[in-house]
Amino acid sequence: MTQLTTKIKLYANKEVDFRNEVRLQDDGNGAYIKEWNLDIPKPTIAQLDAFEAQANIVESNQAQVQKRIKEYGSIAEQIEYITENGIEAWQTKVNSIKAKYPKENN
């Protein structure tokens, strides 16, 4: 099951400030919208649930990107790799990491 925050972002079609625009609460029975301060109507559960499949892809892709970032190494490590091996070798390395952790298309 996807995060409520992901479905809200998809519904709103934008990044959402969850401190000011939308506030969530969880009283032990799952998260829900406590406060809605966006200029669009507050969604129903059914409207948010309609984004489940798309939210699964978004969250899966986010996980793949995090794996890629870990394997790329820091910016300093990447620059060192480039200076020692050349830009083409670095591009090959990056492409192999992307192939190892592919993203789905939404």
PDB file of N, CA and C in Angstrom:
ATOM      1  N   MET A   1       0.844  -1.186   0.000  1.00  0.00           N
ATOM      2  CA  MET A   1       0.000   0.000   0.000  1.00  0.00           C
ATOM      3  C   MET A   1       0.887   1.247   0.000  1.00  0.00           C
ATOM      4  N   THR A   2       0.489   2.206  -0.758  1.00  0.00           N
ATOM      5  CA  THR A   2       1.293   3.421  -0.910  1.00  0.00           C
ATOM      6  C   THR A   2       1.039   4.404   0.230  1.00  0.00           C
ATOM      7  N   GLN A   3       1.926   5.365   0.318  1.00  0.00           N
ATOM      8  CA  GLN A   3       1.813   6.410   1.326  1.00  0.00           C
ATOM      9  C   GLN A   3       0.704   7.387   0.940  1.00  0.00           C
ATOM     10  N   LEU A   4      -0.018   7.855   1.919  1.00  0.00           N
ATOM     11  CA  LEU A   4      -1.056   8.858   1.695  1.00  0.00           C
ATOM     12  C   LEU A   4      -0.443  10.122   1.097  1.00  0.00           C
ATOM     13  N   THR A   5       0.748  10.474   1.526  1.00  0.00           N
ATOM     14  CA  THR A   5       1.402  11.682   1.008  1.00  0.00           C
ATOM     15  C   THR A   5       1.614  11.597  -0.500  1.00  0.00           C
ATOM     16  N   THR A   6       1.992  10.432  -0.992  1.00  0.00           N
ATOM     17  CA  THR A   6       2.221  10.260  -2.430  1.00  0.00           C
ATOM     18  C   THR A   6       0.919  10.448  -3.200  1.00  0.00           C
ATOM     19  N   LYS A   7      -0.156   9.864  -2.702  1.00  0.00           N
ATOM     20  CA  LYS A   7      -1.448  10.005  -3.393  1.00  0.00           C
ATOM     21  C   LYS A   7      -1.934  11.451  -3.375  1.00  0.00           C
ATOM     22  N   ILE A   8      -1.694  12.156  -2.289  1.00  0.00           N
ATOM     23  CA  ILE A   8      -2.097  13.570  -2.208  1.00  0.00           C
ATOM     24  C   ILE A   8      -1.306  14.398  -3.212  1.00  0.00           C
ATOM     25  N   LYS A   9      -0.011  14.158  -3.332  1.00  0.00           N
ATOM     26  CA  LYS A   9       0.801  14.883  -4.311  1.00  0.00           C
ATOM     27  C   LYS A   9       0.306  14.625  -5.731  1.00  0.00           C
ATOM     28  N   LEU A  10      -0.050  13.388  -6.020  1.00  0.00           N
ATOM     29  CA  LEU A  10      -0.571  13.069  -7.347  1.00  0.00           C
ATOM     30  C   LEU A  10      -1.920  13.738  -7.575  1.00  0.00           C
ATOM     31  N   TYR A  11      -2.789  13.710  -6.584  1.00  0.00           N
ATOM     32  CA  TYR A  11      -4.102  14.365  -6.688  1.00  0.00           C
ATOM     33  C   TYR A  11      -3.932  15.862  -6.921  1.00  0.00           C
ATOM     34  N   ALA A  12      -3.038  16.487  -6.164  1.00  0.00           N
ATOM     35  CA  ALA A  12      -2.823  17.935  -6.264  1.00  0.00           C
ATOM     36  C   ALA A  12      -1.991  18.300  -7.496  1.00  0.00           C
ATOM     37  N   ASN A  13      -1.321  17.312  -8.065  1.00  0.00           N
ATOM     38  CA  ASN A  13      -0.472  17.517  -9.238  1.00  0.00           C
ATOM     39  C   ASN A  13       0.647  18.520  -8.960  1.00  0.00           C
ATOM     40  N   LYS A  14       1.217  18.427  -7.750  1.00  0.00           N
ATOM     41  CA  LYS A  14       2.308  19.324  -7.346  1.00  0.00           C
ATOM     42  C   LYS A  14       2.944  18.804  -6.069  1.00  0.00           C
ATOM     43  N   GLU A  15       4.094  19.366  -5.728  1.00  0.00           N
ATOM     44  CA  GLU A  15       4.689  19.090  -4.424  1.00  0.00           C
ATOM     45  C   GLU A  15       3.814  19.779  -3.380  1.00  0.00           C
ATOM     46  N   VAL A  16       3.606  19.137  -2.271  1.00  0.00           N
ATOM     47  CA  VAL A  16       2.712  19.647  -1.233  1.00  0.00           C
ATOM     48  C   VAL A  16       3.509  19.889   0.041  1.00  0.00           C
ATOM     49  N   ASP A  17       3.269  21.026   0.671  1.00  0.00           N
ATOM     50  CA  ASP A  17       3.884  21.350   1.958  1.00  0.00           C
ATOM     51  C   ASP A  17       3.009  20.715   3.046  1.00  0.00           C
ATOM     52  N   PHE A  18       3.519  19.636   3.649  1.00  0.00           N
ATOM     53  CA  PHE A  18       2.731  18.902   4.641  1.00  0.00           C
ATOM     54  C   PHE A  18       2.829  19.506   6.039  1.00  0.00           C
ATOM     55  N   ARG A  19       3.380  20.689   6.134  1.00  0.00           N
ATOM     56  CA  ARG A  19       3.355  21.428   7.397  1.00  0.00           C
ATOM     57  C   ARG A  19       2.306  22.519   7.370  1.00  0.00           C
ATOM     58  N   ASN A  20       2.072  23.080   6.173  1.00  0.00           N
ATOM     59  CA  ASN A  20       1.156  24.214   6.068  1.00  0.00           C
ATOM     60  C   ASN A  20      -0.045  23.962   5.157  1.00  0.00           C
ATOM     61  N   GLU A  21       0.189  23.331   4.004  1.00  0.00           N
ATOM     62  CA  GLU A  21      -0.903  23.167   3.040  1.00  0.00           C
ATOM     63  C   GLU A  21      -1.831  22.011   3.398  1.00  0.00           C
ATOM     64  N   VAL A  22      -1.255  20.909   3.788  1.00  0.00           N
ATOM     65  CA  VAL A  22      -2.035  19.722   4.163  1.00  0.00           C
ATOM     66  C   VAL A  22      -1.398  19.136   5.411  1.00  0.00           C
ATOM     67  N   ARG A  23      -2.200  18.927   6.427  1.00  0.00           N
ATOM     68  CA  ARG A  23      -1.694  18.315   7.666  1.00  0.00           C
ATOM     69  C   ARG A  23      -2.350  16.959   7.829  1.00  0.00           C
ATOM     70  N   LEU A  24      -1.522  15.976   8.090  1.00  0.00           N
ATOM     71  CA  LEU A  24      -1.996  14.610   8.285  1.00  0.00           C
ATOM     72  C   LEU A  24      -1.926  14.248   9.754  1.00  0.00           C
ATOM     73  N   GLN A  25      -2.738  13.277  10.126  1.00  0.00           N
ATOM     74  CA  GLN A  25      -2.724  12.790  11.501  1.00  0.00           C
ATOM     75  C   GLN A  25      -2.973  11.295  11.473  1.00  0.00           C
ATOM     76  N   ASP A  26      -2.423  10.606  12.440  1.00  0.00           N
ATOM     77  CA  ASP A  26      -2.652   9.172  12.594  1.00  0.00           C
ATOM     78  C   ASP A  26      -2.921   8.909  14.067  1.00  0.00           C
ATOM     79  N   ASP A  27      -4.149   8.503  14.365  1.00  0.00           N
ATOM     80  CA  ASP A  27      -4.559   8.208  15.744  1.00  0.00           C
ATOM     81  C   ASP A  27      -4.446   6.719  16.053  1.00  0.00           C
ATOM     82  N   GLY A  28      -3.684   5.999  15.240  1.00  0.00           N
ATOM     83  CA  GLY A  28      -3.513   4.567  15.447  1.00  0.00           C
ATOM     84  C   GLY A  28      -4.298   3.720  14.473  1.00  0.00           C
ATOM     85  N   ASN A  29      -5.174   4.327  13.705  1.00  0.00           N
ATOM     86  CA  ASN A  29      -5.970   3.589  12.725  1.00  0.00           C
ATOM     87  C   ASN A  29      -5.596   3.942  11.295  1.00  0.00           C
ATOM     88  N   GLY A  30      -4.436   4.531  11.106  1.00  0.00           N
ATOM     89  CA  GLY A  30      -4.004   4.930   9.772  1.00  0.00           C
ATOM     90  C   GLY A  30      -4.078   6.438   9.613  1.00  0.00           C
ATOM     91  N   ALA A  31      -3.242   6.937   8.729  1.00  0.00           N
ATOM     92  CA  ALA A  31      -3.172   8.381   8.496  1.00  0.00           C
ATOM     93  C   ALA A  31      -4.419   8.879   7.781  1.00  0.00           C
ATOM     94  N   TYR A  32      -4.775  10.113   8.093  1.00  0.00           N
ATOM     95  CA  TYR A  32      -5.895  10.771   7.421  1.00  0.00           C
ATOM     96  C   TYR A  32      -5.601  12.262   7.333  1.00  0.00           C
ATOM     97  N   ILE A  33      -6.367  12.944   6.495  1.00  0.00           N
ATOM     98  CA  ILE A  33      -6.186  14.379   6.315  1.00  0.00           C
ATOM     99  C   ILE A  33      -6.885  15.097   7.457  1.00  0.00           C
ATOM    100  N   LYS A  34      -6.112  15.790   8.269  1.00  0.00           N
ATOM    101  CA  LYS A  34      -6.676  16.551   9.386  1.00  0.00           C
ATOM    102  C   LYS A  34      -7.004  17.981   8.951  1.00  0.00           C
ATOM    103  N   GLU A  35      -6.138  18.556   8.109  1.00  0.00           N
ATOM    104  CA  GLU A  35      -6.330  19.943   7.692  1.00  0.00           C
ATOM    105  C   GLU A  35      -5.984  20.057   6.212  1.00  0.00           C
ATOM    106  N   TRP A  36      -6.831  20.754   5.448  1.00  0.00           N
ATOM    107  CA  TRP A  36      -6.646  20.909   4.001  1.00  0.00           C
ATOM    108  C   TRP A  36      -6.655  22.389   3.667  1.00  0.00           C
ATOM    109  N   ASN A  37      -5.521  22.916   3.214  1.00  0.00           N
ATOM    110  CA  ASN A  37      -5.396  24.337   2.909  1.00  0.00           C
ATOM    111  C   ASN A  37      -4.973  24.600   1.472  1.00  0.00           C
ATOM    112  N   LEU A  38      -5.287  23.684   0.579  1.00  0.00           N
ATOM    113  CA  LEU A  38      -4.996  23.886  -0.833  1.00  0.00           C
ATOM    114  C   LEU A  38      -6.195  24.548  -1.509  1.00  0.00           C
ATOM    115  N   ASP A  39      -5.955  25.149  -2.662  1.00  0.00           N
ATOM    116  CA  ASP A  39      -7.010  25.844  -3.399  1.00  0.00           C
ATOM    117  C   ASP A  39      -7.853  24.917  -4.269  1.00  0.00           C
ATOM    118  N   ILE A  40      -7.727  23.636  -4.045  1.00  0.00           N
ATOM    119  CA  ILE A  40      -8.545  22.648  -4.754  1.00  0.00           C
ATOM    120  C   ILE A  40      -9.360  21.898  -3.705  1.00  0.00           C
ATOM    121  N   PRO A  41     -10.480  21.295  -4.120  1.00  0.00           N
ATOM    122  CA  PRO A  41     -11.316  20.588  -3.141  1.00  0.00           C
ATOM    123  C   PRO A  41     -10.570  19.439  -2.459  1.00  0.00           C
ATOM    124  N   LYS A  42     -10.867  19.261  -1.191  1.00  0.00           N
ATOM    125  CA  LYS A  42     -10.293  18.141  -0.439  1.00  0.00           C
ATOM    126  C   LYS A  42     -10.784  16.839  -1.076  1.00  0.00           C
ATOM    127  N   PRO A  43      -9.867  15.899  -1.340  1.00  0.00           N
ATOM    128  CA  PRO A  43     -10.273  14.663  -2.007  1.00  0.00           C
ATOM    129  C   PRO A  43     -10.979  13.692  -1.057  1.00  0.00           C
ATOM    130  N   THR A  44     -11.794  12.868  -1.664  1.00  0.00           N
ATOM    131  CA  THR A  44     -12.404  11.767  -0.915  1.00  0.00           C
ATOM    132  C   THR A  44     -11.405  10.612  -0.874  1.00  0.00           C
ATOM    133  N   ILE A  45     -11.673   9.653  -0.032  1.00  0.00           N
ATOM    134  CA  ILE A  45     -10.820   8.459   0.024  1.00  0.00           C
ATOM    135  C   ILE A  45     -10.824   7.759  -1.326  1.00  0.00           C
ATOM    136  N   ALA A  46     -11.995   7.680  -1.964  1.00  0.00           N
ATOM    137  CA  ALA A  46     -12.095   7.031  -3.273  1.00  0.00           C
ATOM    138  C   ALA A  46     -11.251   7.761  -4.317  1.00  0.00           C
ATOM    139  N   GLN A  47     -11.258   9.085  -4.270  1.00  0.00           N
ATOM    140  CA  GLN A  47     -10.439   9.846  -5.221  1.00  0.00           C
ATOM    141  C   GLN A  47      -8.959   9.564  -5.008  1.00  0.00           C
ATOM    142  N   LEU A  48      -8.531   9.504  -3.761  1.00  0.00           N
ATOM    143  CA  LEU A  48      -7.133   9.212  -3.476  1.00  0.00           C
ATOM    144  C   LEU A  48      -6.783   7.768  -3.838  1.00  0.00           C
ATOM    145  N   ASP A  49      -7.691   6.844  -3.562  1.00  0.00           N
ATOM    146  CA  ASP A  49      -7.450   5.436  -3.883  1.00  0.00           C
ATOM    147  C   ASP A  49      -7.305   5.217  -5.386  1.00  0.00           C
ATOM    148  N   ALA A  50      -7.884   6.097  -6.188  1.00  0.00           N
ATOM    149  CA  ALA A  50      -7.756   5.994  -7.643  1.00  0.00           C
ATOM    150  C   ALA A  50      -6.308   6.200  -8.090  1.00  0.00           C
ATOM    151  N   PHE A  51      -5.491   6.787  -7.233  1.00  0.00           N
ATOM    152  CA  PHE A  51      -4.084   7.023  -7.549  1.00  0.00           C
ATOM    153  C   PHE A  51      -3.170   5.905  -7.055  1.00  0.00           C
ATOM    154  N   GLU A  52      -3.721   4.829  -6.530  1.00  0.00           N
ATOM    155  CA  GLU A  52      -2.919   3.752  -5.930  1.00  0.00           C
ATOM    156  C   GLU A  52      -1.885   3.181  -6.897  1.00  0.00           C
ATOM    157  N   ALA A  53      -2.292   2.817  -8.097  1.00  0.00           N
ATOM    158  CA  ALA A  53      -1.353   2.207  -9.053  1.00  0.00           C
ATOM    159  C   ALA A  53      -0.253   3.185  -9.438  1.00  0.00           C
ATOM    160  N   GLN A  54      -0.619   4.411  -9.716  1.00  0.00           N
ATOM    161  CA  GLN A  54       0.370   5.423 -10.086  1.00  0.00           C
ATOM    162  C   GLN A  54       1.301   5.718  -8.909  1.00  0.00           C
ATOM    163  N   ALA A  55       0.765   5.752  -7.709  1.00  0.00           N
ATOM    164  CA  ALA A  55       1.576   5.999  -6.514  1.00  0.00           C
ATOM    165  C   ALA A  55       2.565   4.857  -6.284  1.00  0.00           C
ATOM    166  N   ASN A  56       2.151   3.626  -6.561  1.00  0.00           N
ATOM    167  CA  ASN A  56       3.071   2.482  -6.446  1.00  0.00           C
ATOM    168  C   ASN A  56       4.276   2.663  -7.356  1.00  0.00           C
ATOM    169  N   ILE A  57       4.037   3.120  -8.578  1.00  0.00           N
ATOM    170  CA  ILE A  57       5.135   3.342  -9.526  1.00  0.00           C
ATOM    171  C   ILE A  57       6.046   4.457  -9.028  1.00  0.00           C
ATOM    172  N   VAL A  58       5.458   5.557  -8.576  1.00  0.00           N
ATOM    173  CA  VAL A  58       6.245   6.688  -8.070  1.00  0.00           C
ATOM    174  C   VAL A  58       7.130   6.237  -6.917  1.00  0.00           C
ATOM    175  N   GLU A  59       6.567   5.515  -5.964  1.00  0.00           N
ATOM    176  CA  GLU A  59       7.340   5.077  -4.802  1.00  0.00           C
ATOM    177  C   GLU A  59       8.400   4.051  -5.172  1.00  0.00           C
ATOM    178  N   SER A  60       8.083   3.164  -6.100  1.00  0.00           N
ATOM    179  CA  SER A  60       9.069   2.192  -6.576  1.00  0.00           C
ATOM    180  C   SER A  60      10.232   2.906  -7.253  1.00  0.00           C
ATOM    181  N   ASN A  61       9.911   3.911  -8.071  1.00  0.00           N
ATOM    182  CA  ASN A  61      10.962   4.669  -8.754  1.00  0.00           C
ATOM    183  C   ASN A  61      11.818   5.446  -7.761  1.00  0.00           C
ATOM    184  N   GLN A  62      11.201   5.988  -6.727  1.00  0.00           N
ATOM    185  CA  GLN A  62      11.966   6.700  -5.699  1.00  0.00           C
ATOM    186  C   GLN A  62      12.955   5.758  -5.015  1.00  0.00           C
ATOM    187  N   ALA A  63      12.533   4.528  -4.769  1.00  0.00           N
ATOM    188  CA  ALA A  63      13.420   3.541  -4.143  1.00  0.00           C
ATOM    189  C   ALA A  63      14.585   3.200  -5.075  1.00  0.00           C
ATOM    190  N   GLN A  64      14.295   3.077  -6.376  1.00  0.00           N
ATOM    191  CA  GLN A  64      15.354   2.783  -7.338  1.00  0.00           C
ATOM    192  C   GLN A  64      16.361   3.936  -7.411  1.00  0.00           C
ATOM    193  N   VAL A  65      15.873   5.160  -7.389  1.00  0.00           N
ATOM    194  CA  VAL A  65      16.758   6.327  -7.431  1.00  0.00           C
ATOM    195  C   VAL A  65      17.652   6.350  -6.200  1.00  0.00           C
ATOM    196  N   GLN A  66      17.115   6.015  -5.036  1.00  0.00           N
ATOM    197  CA  GLN A  66      17.934   5.992  -3.814  1.00  0.00           C
ATOM    198  C   GLN A  66      19.045   4.940  -3.917  1.00  0.00           C
ATOM    199  N   LYS A  67      18.744   3.798  -4.518  1.00  0.00           N
ATOM    200  CA  LYS A  67      19.770   2.772  -4.717  1.00  0.00           C
ATOM    201  C   LYS A  67      20.847   3.280  -5.666  1.00  0.00           C
ATOM    202  N   ARG A  68      20.416   3.965  -6.734  1.00  0.00           N
ATOM    203  CA  ARG A  68      21.379   4.527  -7.688  1.00  0.00           C
ATOM    204  C   ARG A  68      22.297   5.524  -6.998  1.00  0.00           C
ATOM    205  N   ILE A  69      21.708   6.442  -6.245  1.00  0.00           N
ATOM    206  CA  ILE A  69      22.484   7.487  -5.567  1.00  0.00           C
ATOM    207  C   ILE A  69      23.548   6.864  -4.666  1.00  0.00           C
ATOM    208  N   LYS A  70      23.159   5.833  -3.941  1.00  0.00           N
ATOM    209  CA  LYS A  70      24.108   5.161  -3.046  1.00  0.00           C
ATOM    210  C   LYS A  70      25.276   4.583  -3.843  1.00  0.00           C
ATOM    211  N   GLU A  71      24.962   3.986  -4.990  1.00  0.00           N
ATOM    212  CA  GLU A  71      26.012   3.354  -5.782  1.00  0.00           C
ATOM    213  C   GLU A  71      26.851   4.365  -6.566  1.00  0.00           C
ATOM    214  N   TYR A  72      26.270   5.491  -6.946  1.00  0.00           N
ATOM    215  CA  TYR A  72      27.049   6.532  -7.641  1.00  0.00           C
ATOM    216  C   TYR A  72      28.178   7.045  -6.749  1.00  0.00           C
ATOM    217  N   GLY A  73      27.929   7.132  -5.479  1.00  0.00           N
ATOM    218  CA  GLY A  73      28.904   7.706  -4.565  1.00  0.00           C
ATOM    219  C   GLY A  73      28.711   9.214  -4.483  1.00  0.00           C
ATOM    220  N   SER A  74      29.522   9.829  -3.659  1.00  0.00           N
ATOM    221  CA  SER A  74      29.419  11.280  -3.474  1.00  0.00           C
ATOM    222  C   SER A  74      29.873  12.009  -4.735  1.00  0.00           C
ATOM    223  N   ILE A  75      29.579  13.290  -4.803  1.00  0.00           N
ATOM    224  CA  ILE A  75      30.037  14.114  -5.917  1.00  0.00           C
ATOM    225  C   ILE A  75      31.568  14.065  -5.996  1.00  0.00           C
ATOM    226  N   ALA A  76      32.223  14.164  -4.840  1.00  0.00           N
ATOM    227  CA  ALA A  76      33.690  14.118  -4.812  1.00  0.00           C
ATOM    228  C   ALA A  76      34.199  12.784  -5.371  1.00  0.00           C
ATOM    229  N   GLU A  77      33.549  11.686  -5.008  1.00  0.00           N
ATOM    230  CA  GLU A  77      33.960  10.371  -5.514  1.00  0.00           C
ATOM    231  C   GLU A  77      33.746  10.274  -7.021  1.00  0.00           C
ATOM    232  N   GLN A  78      32.652  10.858  -7.501  1.00  0.00           N
ATOM    233  CA  GLN A  78      32.384  10.830  -8.937  1.00  0.00           C
ATOM    234  C   GLN A  78      33.407  11.662  -9.707  1.00  0.00           C
ATOM    235  N   ILE A  79      33.764  12.829  -9.177  1.00  0.00           N
ATOM    236  CA  ILE A  79      34.771  13.670  -9.831  1.00  0.00           C
ATOM    237  C   ILE A  79      36.117  12.951  -9.861  1.00  0.00           C
ATOM    238  N   GLU A  80      36.461  12.324  -8.750  1.00  0.00           N
ATOM    239  CA  GLU A  80      37.716  11.570  -8.702  1.00  0.00           C
ATOM    240  C   GLU A  80      37.705  10.449  -9.739  1.00  0.00           C
ATOM    241  N   TYR A  81      36.582   9.746  -9.857  1.00  0.00           N
ATOM    242  CA  TYR A  81      36.455   8.670 -10.848  1.00  0.00           C
ATOM    243  C   TYR A  81      36.652   9.220 -12.256  1.00  0.00           C
ATOM    244  N   ILE A  82      36.035  10.376 -12.530  1.00  0.00           N
ATOM    245  CA  ILE A  82      36.149  10.986 -13.854  1.00  0.00           C
ATOM    246  C   ILE A  82      37.597  11.384 -14.143  1.00  0.00           C
ATOM    247  N   THR A  83      38.259  11.990 -13.171  1.00  0.00           N
ATOM    248  CA  THR A  83      39.646  12.436 -13.400  1.00  0.00           C
ATOM    249  C   THR A  83      40.591  11.253 -13.579  1.00  0.00           C
ATOM    250  N   GLU A  84      40.288  10.141 -12.933  1.00  0.00           N
ATOM    251  CA  GLU A  84      41.156   8.970 -13.044  1.00  0.00           C
ATOM    252  C   GLU A  84      40.841   8.102 -14.261  1.00  0.00           C
ATOM    253  N   ASN A  85      39.548   8.095 -14.685  1.00  0.00           N
ATOM    254  CA  ASN A  85      39.124   7.149 -15.724  1.00  0.00           C
ATOM    255  C   ASN A  85      38.534   7.803 -16.969  1.00  0.00           C
ATOM    256  N   GLY A  86      38.213   9.076 -16.885  1.00  0.00           N
ATOM    257  CA  GLY A  86      37.631   9.775 -18.032  1.00  0.00           C
ATOM    258  C   GLY A  86      36.119   9.815 -17.975  1.00  0.00           C
ATOM    259  N   ILE A  87      35.565  10.776 -18.684  1.00  0.00           N
ATOM    260  CA  ILE A  87      34.108  10.993 -18.674  1.00  0.00           C
ATOM    261  C   ILE A  87      33.356   9.835 -19.318  1.00  0.00           C
ATOM    262  N   GLU A  88      33.932   9.238 -20.359  1.00  0.00           N
ATOM    263  CA  GLU A  88      33.253   8.119 -21.029  1.00  0.00           C
ATOM    264  C   GLU A  88      33.117   6.921 -20.094  1.00  0.00           C
ATOM    265  N   ALA A  89      34.170   6.644 -19.331  1.00  0.00           N
ATOM    266  CA  ALA A  89      34.117   5.534 -18.366  1.00  0.00           C
ATOM    267  C   ALA A  89      33.075   5.814 -17.295  1.00  0.00           C
ATOM    268  N   TRP A  90      33.000   7.071 -16.860  1.00  0.00           N
ATOM    269  CA  TRP A  90      32.000   7.449 -15.853  1.00  0.00           C
ATOM    270  C   TRP A  90      30.592   7.276 -16.416  1.00  0.00           C
ATOM    271  N   GLN A  91      30.381   7.709 -17.669  1.00  0.00           N
ATOM    272  CA  GLN A  91      29.068   7.555 -18.295  1.00  0.00           C
ATOM    273  C   GLN A  91      28.686   6.076 -18.409  1.00  0.00           C
ATOM    274  N   THR A  92      29.645   5.260 -18.735  1.00  0.00           N
ATOM    275  CA  THR A  92      29.399   3.815 -18.815  1.00  0.00           C
ATOM    276  C   THR A  92      29.006   3.268 -17.444  1.00  0.00           C
ATOM    277  N   LYS A  93      29.713   3.715 -16.422  1.00  0.00           N
ATOM    278  CA  LYS A  93      29.406   3.280 -15.048  1.00  0.00           C
ATOM    279  C   LYS A  93      27.996   3.714 -14.650  1.00  0.00           C
ATOM    280  N   VAL A  94      27.657   4.966 -14.924  1.00  0.00           N
ATOM    281  CA  VAL A  94      26.331   5.487 -14.584  1.00  0.00           C
ATOM    282  C   VAL A  94      25.245   4.703 -15.326  1.00  0.00           C
ATOM    283  N   ASN A  95      25.463   4.449 -16.612  1.00  0.00           N
ATOM    284  CA  ASN A  95      24.469   3.694 -17.380  1.00  0.00           C
ATOM    285  C   ASN A  95      24.302   2.275 -16.865  1.00  0.00           C
ATOM    286  N   SER A  96      25.387   1.655 -16.401  1.00  0.00           N
ATOM    287  CA  SER A  96      25.263   0.297 -15.851  1.00  0.00           C
ATOM    288  C   SER A  96      24.492   0.313 -14.533  1.00  0.00           C
ATOM    289  N   ILE A  97      24.686   1.353 -13.737  1.00  0.00           N
ATOM    290  CA  ILE A  97      23.937   1.476 -12.478  1.00  0.00           C
ATOM    291  C   ILE A  97      22.458   1.700 -12.782  1.00  0.00           C
ATOM    292  N   LYS A  98      22.165   2.545 -13.770  1.00  0.00           N
ATOM    293  CA  LYS A  98      20.766   2.772 -14.154  1.00  0.00           C
ATOM    294  C   LYS A  98      20.125   1.486 -14.660  1.00  0.00           C
ATOM    295  N   ALA A  99      20.870   0.698 -15.404  1.00  0.00           N
ATOM    296  CA  ALA A  99      20.344  -0.577 -15.905  1.00  0.00           C
ATOM    297  C   ALA A  99      20.110  -1.556 -14.757  1.00  0.00           C
ATOM    298  N   LYS A 100      20.970  -1.497 -13.754  1.00  0.00           N
ATOM    299  CA  LYS A 100      20.840  -2.377 -12.584  1.00  0.00           C
ATOM    300  C   LYS A 100      19.600  -2.025 -11.757  1.00  0.00           C
ATOM    301  N   TYR A 101      19.271  -0.729 -11.709  1.00  0.00           N
ATOM    302  CA  TYR A 101      18.128  -0.249 -10.938  1.00  0.00           C
ATOM    303  C   TYR A 101      17.188   0.544 -11.864  1.00  0.00           C
ATOM    304  N   PRO A 102      16.457  -0.162 -12.739  1.00  0.00           N
ATOM    305  CA  PRO A 102      15.592   0.541 -13.698  1.00  0.00           C
ATOM    306  C   PRO A 102      14.361   1.149 -13.037  1.00  0.00           C
ATOM    307  N   LYS A 103      13.880   2.209 -13.647  1.00  0.00           N
ATOM    308  CA  LYS A 103      12.640   2.839 -13.197  1.00  0.00           C
ATOM    309  C   LYS A 103      11.505   2.439 -14.131  1.00  0.00           C
ATOM    310  N   GLU A 104      10.299   2.374 -13.579  1.00  0.00           N
ATOM    311  CA  GLU A 104       9.106   2.117 -14.395  1.00  0.00           C
ATOM    312  C   GLU A 104       8.620   3.432 -14.982  1.00  0.00           C
ATOM    313  N   ASN A 105       7.936   3.349 -16.098  1.00  0.00           N
ATOM    314  CA  ASN A 105       7.299   4.552 -16.656  1.00  0.00           C
ATOM    315  C   ASN A 105       5.920   4.705 -16.053  1.00  0.00           C
ATOM    316  N   ASN A 106       5.553   5.953 -15.718  1.00  0.00           N
ATOM    317  CA  ASN A 106       4.206   6.198 -15.162  1.00  0.00           C
ATOM    318  C   ASN A 106       3.209   6.251 -16.283  1.00  0.00           C
TER     319      ASN A 106
END
